[in-house]
Amino acid sequence: MSKPQRLLAYSAAIATCVGVFLLYIRPEFMVTLAGQIWACF
């Protein structure tokens, strides 16, 4: 894997982690997500 590809992969992984963290700090999102998951069963 070349250096630009590795940098792009690390950047994408960091952006994904930050995005997930930002969703988890919003309580209303977590309540909505839990309700949607529960509705599947």
C-alpha atoms as a PDB file:
ATOM      1  CA  MET A   1       0.000   0.000   0.000  1.00  0.00           C
ATOM      2  CA  SER A   2       1.471   3.336  -1.018  1.00  0.00           C
ATOM      3  CA  LYS A   3       1.760   6.289   1.314  1.00  0.00           C
ATOM      4  CA  PRO A   4      -1.157   8.305  -0.207  1.00  0.00           C
ATOM      5  CA  GLN A   5      -3.440   5.280  -0.020  1.00  0.00           C
ATOM      6  CA  ARG A   6      -2.474   4.646   3.594  1.00  0.00           C
ATOM      7  CA  LEU A   7      -3.084   8.309   4.453  1.00  0.00           C
ATOM      8  CA  LEU A   8      -6.495   8.174   2.776  1.00  0.00           C
ATOM      9  CA  ALA A   9      -7.395   4.984   4.651  1.00  0.00           C
ATOM     10  CA  TYR A  10      -6.368   6.474   8.010  1.00  0.00           C
ATOM     11  CA  SER A  11      -8.288   9.665   7.254  1.00  0.00           C
ATOM     12  CA  ALA A  12     -11.423   7.711   6.386  1.00  0.00           C
ATOM     13  CA  ALA A  13     -11.134   5.614   9.553  1.00  0.00           C
ATOM     14  CA  ILE A  14     -10.676   8.700  11.743  1.00  0.00           C
ATOM     15  CA  ALA A  15     -13.599  10.493  10.066  1.00  0.00           C
ATOM     16  CA  THR A  16     -15.816   7.442  10.647  1.00  0.00           C
ATOM     17  CA  CYS A  17     -14.832   7.246  14.323  1.00  0.00           C
ATOM     18  CA  VAL A  18     -15.487  10.966  14.844  1.00  0.00           C
ATOM     19  CA  GLY A  19     -18.859  10.678  13.108  1.00  0.00           C
ATOM     20  CA  VAL A  20     -19.920   7.756  15.294  1.00  0.00           C
ATOM     21  CA  PHE A  21     -18.757   9.600  18.427  1.00  0.00           C
ATOM     22  CA  LEU A  22     -20.777  12.692  17.470  1.00  0.00           C
ATOM     23  CA  LEU A  23     -23.906  10.556  17.028  1.00  0.00           C
ATOM     24  CA  TYR A  24     -23.446   8.826  20.391  1.00  0.00           C
ATOM     25  CA  ILE A  25     -23.270  12.107  22.336  1.00  0.00           C
ATOM     26  CA  ARG A  26     -26.765  13.052  21.142  1.00  0.00           C
ATOM     27  CA  PRO A  27     -29.200  11.335  23.551  1.00  0.00           C
ATOM     28  CA  GLU A  28     -32.261  11.825  21.330  1.00  0.00           C
ATOM     29  CA  PHE A  29     -30.497   9.959  18.521  1.00  0.00           C
ATOM     30  CA  MET A  30     -29.747   7.037  20.811  1.00  0.00           C
ATOM     31  CA  VAL A  31     -33.386   6.862  21.983  1.00  0.00           C
ATOM     32  CA  THR A  32     -34.603   6.909  18.374  1.00  0.00           C
ATOM     33  CA  LEU A  33     -32.076   4.266  17.345  1.00  0.00           C
ATOM     34  CA  ALA A  34     -33.039   2.013  20.263  1.00  0.00           C
ATOM     35  CA  GLY A  35     -36.728   2.372  19.334  1.00  0.00           C
ATOM     36  CA  GLN A  36     -36.053   1.475  15.719  1.00  0.00           C
ATOM     37  CA  ILE A  37     -33.966  -1.560  16.652  1.00  0.00           C
ATOM     38  CA  TRP A  38     -36.606  -2.723  19.155  1.00  0.00           C
ATOM     39  CA  ALA A  39     -39.323  -2.363  16.494  1.00  0.00           C
ATOM     40  CA  CYS A  40     -37.552  -4.997  14.376  1.00  0.00           C
ATOM     41  CA  PHE A  41     -38.367  -7.721  16.938  1.00  0.00           C
END
